[in-house]
Amino acid sequence: MFRKKVNVVDCTIRDGGLMNDSNFDLETVRTVVAATCAAGIDYCEIGYRNSKDQFDPKQFGKWRFCDEEDLVAATEGIDLGTTKMGVMMDAHKSDKNDLLPASESVIDMVRVATYCKDVHKAIDIAQHADELGYETAVNIMAISHAYMNELEQVLELLDKETNCKVVNIVDSFGALYQDQLHFIISKFQMHLETKAVGCHFHNNQQLAFANTIEAILKGCTWADSTIYGFGRAAGNCCTELLLGFLKDPNHDILPILDVLGSHIVPLKKSIEWGYHIPYMVTGILNQHPTAAMNFMGLPEDEKYDYRKFYTMADE
């Protein structure tokens, strides 16, 4: 069954980079880029364009900054086909002046991630990127913590004061259930008269794929995913599952399966992302996963005391 057109944004390197401080080798990044392009995925988000004043380049890898020479190295010689390249800029951790004109860059789309309280910073960056010739989008993070009256004001500002193509619902804590999601989508659709609505889910309660399906069925026309769900903490909706659901003849799942087996699954030996009980607990409690990530790093004789973690997190 062919689904209506949904713009798929694969953010494997960008979101996965939150688990290894964006320290990917160039060969891995190039292989992921080549696979997403061969698969006909609409956008490949290579990493962050964040400020070196905020992140120490001695600790964080190239893909936290995406300098233009590194983007060229990541894409040079690859047949990009119809796939467009993207970066993300955190509204509170980025400098808009780090952007080159789009005509001088590998990048096609700049997505600005923001909390509701930082929306004016996000608008400033998004409009600057638009003036430089980029496609733009805005991701509203921690949506499960947003106050509805504040969210409505934010959406109206984004609708009136930016030229972004899409505003994305981001369930940063993997806390949303489908009835809550229905309500939030309706709010976005009500207040975004000129923008598309997109979605980005985390898998704390094993709902990232289910909520992505539900969001699409309720009218979201953009969807984020990562290969094998590789992303911060519990990870994200899996690109391979999303392609299987969409059954878009312009997509080819085989290149994704290739890179999944050759490069992403092997990372599991050193990086523990995906569904784990501490991440489930923070999802249930609608909390940021930092405490769970720290708990996951405890010695073997401590990290499986889930009762203790739940009790601590619920205090």
Protein backbone atom coordinates (compact mmCIF):
# COMPACT_ATOMS: atom_id res chain seq x y z
CA MET A 1 0.00 0.00 0.00
CA PHE A 2 1.57 3.26 -1.14
CA ARG A 3 1.27 6.05 1.42
CA LYS A 4 0.89 9.71 0.64
CA LYS A 5 4.14 11.59 0.17
CA VAL A 6 6.06 12.06 3.41
CA ASN A 7 9.40 13.87 3.52
CA VAL A 8 11.79 11.59 5.38
CA VAL A 9 14.66 13.25 7.25
CA ASP A 10 17.35 10.78 8.26
CA CYS A 11 19.34 12.23 11.17
CA THR A 12 21.48 9.20 12.05
CA ILE A 13 24.78 11.07 12.28
CA ARG A 14 23.28 14.15 13.91
CA ASP A 15 21.18 12.42 16.62
CA GLY A 16 23.52 9.46 16.96
CA GLY A 17 26.28 11.96 17.61
CA LEU A 18 24.66 12.74 20.94
CA MET A 19 25.86 9.31 22.08
CA ASN A 20 29.52 9.70 21.10
CA ASP A 21 30.04 13.48 21.13
CA SER A 22 29.80 13.43 17.33
CA ASN A 23 33.10 11.54 17.08
CA PHE A 24 32.43 9.58 13.88
CA ASP A 25 35.20 8.77 11.46
CA LEU A 26 34.83 10.14 7.96
CA GLU A 27 34.33 6.71 6.39
CA THR A 28 31.27 6.04 8.56
CA VAL A 29 29.74 9.41 7.74
CA ARG A 30 30.35 8.98 4.03
CA THR A 31 28.84 5.50 4.09
CA VAL A 32 25.69 6.75 5.83
CA VAL A 33 25.39 9.68 3.43
CA ALA A 34 25.83 7.38 0.43
CA ALA A 35 23.23 4.94 1.78
CA THR A 36 20.59 7.58 2.43
CA CYS A 37 21.14 9.01 -1.05
CA ALA A 38 20.99 5.59 -2.71
CA ALA A 39 17.80 4.92 -0.73
CA GLY A 40 16.19 8.07 -2.12
CA ILE A 41 15.62 9.56 1.32
CA ASP A 42 14.56 13.18 1.07
CA TYR A 43 16.98 14.79 3.53
CA CYS A 44 20.17 13.61 5.21
CA GLU A 45 21.02 15.63 8.31
CA ILE A 46 24.78 15.25 8.61
CA GLY A 47 25.27 16.89 11.98
CA TYR A 48 25.11 20.08 14.01
CA ARG A 49 26.36 23.54 13.08
CA ASN A 50 26.92 24.51 16.71
CA SER A 51 29.29 27.10 18.11
CA LYS A 52 32.87 26.24 19.05
CA ASP A 53 32.46 28.74 21.88
CA GLN A 54 29.84 26.38 23.34
CA PHE A 55 31.48 23.02 22.55
CA ASP A 56 35.17 22.22 22.90
CA PRO A 57 36.55 20.88 19.59
CA LYS A 58 39.04 18.84 21.63
CA GLN A 59 36.12 16.83 23.04
CA PHE A 60 33.52 16.98 20.28
CA GLY A 61 33.98 15.62 16.80
CA LYS A 62 33.73 17.41 13.47
CA TRP A 63 30.04 16.63 13.07
CA ARG A 64 29.12 18.84 16.03
CA PHE A 65 30.30 21.80 13.96
CA CYS A 66 30.05 20.72 10.31
CA ASP A 67 32.66 23.09 8.96
CA GLU A 68 32.30 23.42 5.22
CA GLU A 69 35.53 21.57 4.39
CA ASP A 70 34.30 18.60 6.42
CA LEU A 71 30.93 18.65 4.66
CA VAL A 72 32.73 18.62 1.32
CA ALA A 73 34.80 15.65 2.48
CA ALA A 74 31.63 13.85 3.61
CA THR A 75 29.84 14.25 0.28
CA GLU A 76 32.50 14.61 -2.42
CA GLY A 77 32.18 11.99 -5.15
CA ILE A 78 28.88 10.62 -3.82
CA ASP A 79 25.89 10.64 -6.15
CA LEU A 80 23.45 12.64 -4.02
CA GLY A 81 20.59 12.08 -6.42
CA THR A 82 17.46 13.81 -5.12
CA THR A 83 18.60 13.75 -1.48
CA LYS A 84 19.23 17.12 0.12
CA MET A 85 21.79 17.70 2.86
CA GLY A 86 20.99 19.34 6.18
CA VAL A 87 22.44 20.53 9.46
CA MET A 88 20.83 21.43 12.77
CA MET A 89 21.53 24.57 14.79
CA ASP A 90 20.48 24.74 18.43
CA ALA A 91 18.94 28.17 19.00
CA HIS A 92 20.79 28.60 22.30
CA LYS A 93 24.09 26.97 21.25
CA SER A 94 24.73 28.34 17.76
CA ASP A 95 25.96 31.47 16.05
CA LYS A 96 24.08 32.44 12.90
CA ASN A 97 27.25 34.04 11.57
CA ASP A 98 28.80 30.59 11.19
CA LEU A 99 26.60 30.07 8.12
CA LEU A 100 27.95 30.62 4.62
CA PRO A 101 25.63 31.64 1.79
CA ALA A 102 23.79 28.55 0.56
CA SER A 103 25.38 28.98 -2.87
CA GLU A 104 28.78 28.30 -1.25
CA SER A 105 27.70 25.33 0.84
CA VAL A 106 26.96 21.63 0.51
CA ILE A 107 23.97 22.20 2.79
CA ASP A 108 20.45 22.68 1.48
CA MET A 109 18.43 22.89 4.71
CA VAL A 110 19.10 24.42 8.12
CA ARG A 111 16.90 23.19 10.94
CA VAL A 112 16.78 25.23 14.13
CA ALA A 113 16.08 23.34 17.35
CA THR A 114 14.51 25.40 20.11
CA TYR A 115 12.67 25.30 23.37
CA CYS A 116 9.58 27.46 23.52
CA LYS A 117 11.40 29.99 25.71
CA ASP A 118 14.09 30.51 23.05
CA VAL A 119 11.77 30.98 20.09
CA HIS A 120 13.00 34.50 19.33
CA LYS A 121 16.56 33.20 19.01
CA ALA A 122 15.27 30.47 16.70
CA ILE A 123 13.41 32.96 14.53
CA ASP A 124 16.54 35.10 14.22
CA ILE A 125 18.66 32.16 13.07
CA ALA A 126 15.97 30.76 10.77
CA GLN A 127 15.40 34.08 9.05
CA HIS A 128 19.13 34.66 8.64
CA ALA A 129 19.47 31.20 7.07
CA ASP A 130 16.52 31.96 4.80
CA GLU A 131 18.15 35.20 3.66
CA LEU A 132 21.30 33.22 2.83
CA GLY A 133 19.27 30.98 0.54
CA TYR A 134 18.70 27.86 2.66
CA GLU A 135 15.52 25.92 3.15
CA THR A 136 14.63 26.21 6.82
CA ALA A 137 12.72 24.31 9.47
CA VAL A 138 12.16 24.65 13.21
CA ASN A 139 12.07 21.81 15.74
CA ILE A 140 10.23 22.54 18.99
CA MET A 141 11.97 20.42 21.60
CA ALA A 142 10.61 19.01 24.87
CA ILE A 143 7.06 19.34 23.58
CA SER A 144 5.75 17.27 26.51
CA HIS A 145 6.86 20.07 28.87
CA ALA A 146 5.30 22.90 26.87
CA TYR A 147 2.47 24.96 28.33
CA MET A 148 -0.32 25.09 25.76
CA ASN A 149 -0.86 28.84 25.88
CA GLU A 150 2.88 29.40 25.42
CA LEU A 151 3.02 26.82 22.60
CA GLU A 152 0.16 28.53 20.77
CA GLN A 153 1.99 31.85 20.89
CA VAL A 154 5.21 30.20 19.67
CA LEU A 155 3.44 28.56 16.73
CA GLU A 156 1.78 31.81 15.70
CA LEU A 157 5.13 33.61 15.83
CA LEU A 158 6.80 30.94 13.70
CA ASP A 159 3.94 31.05 11.22
CA LYS A 160 4.04 34.82 10.82
CA GLU A 161 7.71 35.66 11.28
CA THR A 162 9.59 32.88 9.46
CA ASN A 163 9.66 31.38 5.99
CA CYS A 164 10.41 27.90 7.33
CA LYS A 165 8.88 25.00 5.42
CA VAL A 166 7.99 22.86 8.41
CA VAL A 167 7.68 23.01 12.19
CA ASN A 168 8.45 19.73 13.91
CA ILE A 169 6.94 18.22 17.05
CA VAL A 170 9.86 16.82 19.08
CA ASP A 171 9.09 14.35 21.86
CA SER A 172 12.51 14.79 23.45
CA PHE A 173 11.74 12.64 26.48
CA GLY A 174 9.83 9.84 24.74
CA ALA A 175 6.89 10.61 27.00
CA LEU A 176 3.94 11.07 24.64
CA TYR A 177 1.06 8.65 24.21
CA GLN A 178 -1.18 8.76 21.16
CA ASP A 179 -4.08 10.66 22.72
CA GLN A 180 -1.67 13.39 23.81
CA LEU A 181 -0.07 13.36 20.37
CA HIS A 182 -3.46 13.83 18.68
CA PHE A 183 -4.06 16.95 20.79
CA ILE A 184 -0.63 18.43 20.03
CA ILE A 185 -0.89 17.77 16.30
CA SER A 186 -4.27 19.51 16.25
CA LYS A 187 -2.70 22.53 17.97
CA PHE A 188 0.08 22.68 15.38
CA GLN A 189 -2.35 22.36 12.50
CA MET A 190 -4.63 25.01 13.97
CA HIS A 191 -1.92 27.65 14.43
CA LEU A 192 0.36 26.91 11.47
CA GLU A 193 -1.54 28.26 8.50
CA THR A 194 1.44 28.39 6.13
CA LYS A 195 3.73 25.60 7.42
CA ALA A 196 3.80 21.84 7.22
CA VAL A 197 3.86 19.81 10.45
CA GLY A 198 6.60 17.25 11.08
CA CYS A 199 7.53 14.84 13.86
CA HIS A 200 10.58 13.55 15.72
CA PHE A 201 10.10 10.90 18.41
CA HIS A 202 12.28 9.14 20.97
CA ASN A 203 11.83 5.51 21.88
CA ASN A 204 11.88 5.52 25.70
CA GLN A 205 8.58 3.64 25.86
CA GLN A 206 8.98 1.80 22.54
CA LEU A 207 6.55 4.21 20.89
CA ALA A 208 8.78 6.10 18.45
CA PHE A 209 7.68 4.11 15.39
CA ALA A 210 4.06 3.81 16.52
CA ASN A 211 3.83 7.54 17.20
CA THR A 212 5.44 8.32 13.85
CA ILE A 213 2.80 6.22 12.11
CA GLU A 214 0.07 7.92 14.11
CA ALA A 215 1.46 11.38 13.33
CA ILE A 216 1.52 10.61 9.61
CA LEU A 217 -2.02 9.27 9.69
CA LYS A 218 -3.09 12.48 11.46
CA GLY A 219 -1.55 14.68 8.77
CA CYS A 220 2.16 15.15 9.48
CA THR A 221 3.97 15.28 6.14
CA TRP A 222 7.55 15.27 7.47
CA ALA A 223 9.06 12.54 9.64
CA ASP A 224 12.45 12.11 11.28
CA SER A 225 14.19 8.77 11.66
CA THR A 226 17.60 7.22 12.26
CA ILE A 227 19.10 3.99 10.98
CA TYR A 228 18.50 1.23 13.56
CA GLY A 229 17.08 3.97 15.79
CA PHE A 230 20.59 5.26 16.52
CA GLY A 231 20.09 8.38 18.60
CA ARG A 232 20.32 9.90 22.03
CA ALA A 233 19.47 7.54 24.90
CA ALA A 234 16.55 5.36 23.81
CA GLY A 235 17.03 6.41 20.21
CA ASN A 236 14.48 7.26 17.56
CA CYS A 237 12.07 5.88 15.02
CA CYS A 238 14.04 3.48 12.80
CA THR A 239 14.58 4.60 9.21
CA GLU A 240 14.19 1.03 7.97
CA LEU A 241 10.82 0.67 9.74
CA LEU A 242 9.59 4.00 8.42
CA LEU A 243 10.51 3.11 4.84
CA GLY A 244 8.73 -0.22 5.28
CA PHE A 245 5.59 1.58 6.42
CA LEU A 246 5.59 4.25 3.72
CA LYS A 247 6.21 1.85 0.84
CA ASP A 248 7.15 4.81 -1.34
CA PRO A 249 8.43 3.44 -4.69
CA ASN A 250 10.99 6.25 -4.72
CA HIS A 251 12.64 4.75 -1.65
CA ASP A 252 14.92 1.72 -1.63
CA ILE A 253 15.38 0.02 1.73
CA LEU A 254 18.33 -2.14 0.60
CA PRO A 255 21.09 0.50 0.96
CA ILE A 256 19.82 1.20 4.48
CA LEU A 257 20.02 -2.49 5.35
CA ASP A 258 23.56 -2.58 4.00
CA VAL A 259 24.86 0.27 6.17
CA LEU A 260 22.82 -0.95 9.12
CA GLY A 261 24.69 -4.24 9.09
CA SER A 262 28.12 -2.94 8.17
CA HIS A 263 28.40 0.22 10.29
CA ILE A 264 25.52 0.85 12.70
CA VAL A 265 24.91 -2.48 14.43
CA PRO A 266 28.65 -2.85 15.24
CA LEU A 267 28.45 0.41 17.21
CA LYS A 268 26.24 -1.44 19.71
CA LYS A 269 29.39 -3.06 21.07
CA SER A 270 30.48 0.25 22.58
CA ILE A 271 27.36 2.47 22.66
CA GLU A 272 24.19 1.51 24.56
CA TRP A 273 21.34 3.26 22.84
CA GLY A 274 17.81 1.96 22.37
CA TYR A 275 15.18 0.65 24.75
CA HIS A 276 16.61 0.17 28.24
CA ILE A 277 14.77 0.30 31.56
CA PRO A 278 16.36 3.54 32.86
CA TYR A 279 15.30 5.29 29.65
CA MET A 280 11.83 3.80 30.03
CA VAL A 281 11.65 5.23 33.55
CA THR A 282 12.50 8.78 32.45
CA GLY A 283 9.99 8.44 29.61
CA ILE A 284 7.22 7.39 31.99
CA LEU A 285 8.13 10.24 34.33
CA ASN A 286 8.45 12.76 31.46
CA GLN A 287 12.04 13.61 32.36
CA HIS A 288 15.18 14.43 30.41
CA PRO A 289 17.21 11.21 29.95
CA THR A 290 20.46 12.60 31.38
CA ALA A 291 20.01 10.84 34.72
CA ALA A 292 19.29 7.57 32.92
CA MET A 293 22.34 7.98 30.70
CA ASN A 294 24.48 8.50 33.80
CA PHE A 295 22.91 5.45 35.47
CA MET A 296 23.64 3.35 32.40
CA GLY A 297 27.31 4.21 32.87
CA LEU A 298 27.52 2.75 36.39
CA PRO A 299 29.51 -0.43 37.12
CA GLU A 300 27.84 -3.74 36.34
CA ASP A 301 26.97 -4.42 39.97
CA GLU A 302 24.97 -1.16 40.21
CA LYS A 303 23.45 -0.41 36.81
CA TYR A 304 20.69 -3.04 37.03
CA ASP A 305 19.13 -1.83 40.28
CA TYR A 306 16.09 -0.47 38.45
CA ARG A 307 13.98 -0.11 41.59
CA LYS A 308 16.61 2.21 43.03
CA PHE A 309 16.74 4.27 39.85
CA TYR A 310 12.96 4.62 39.65
CA THR A 311 12.78 5.67 43.29
CA MET A 312 15.53 8.25 42.80
CA ALA A 313 14.03 9.62 39.59
CA ASP A 314 10.53 9.89 41.07
CA GLU A 315 11.63 11.95 44.07
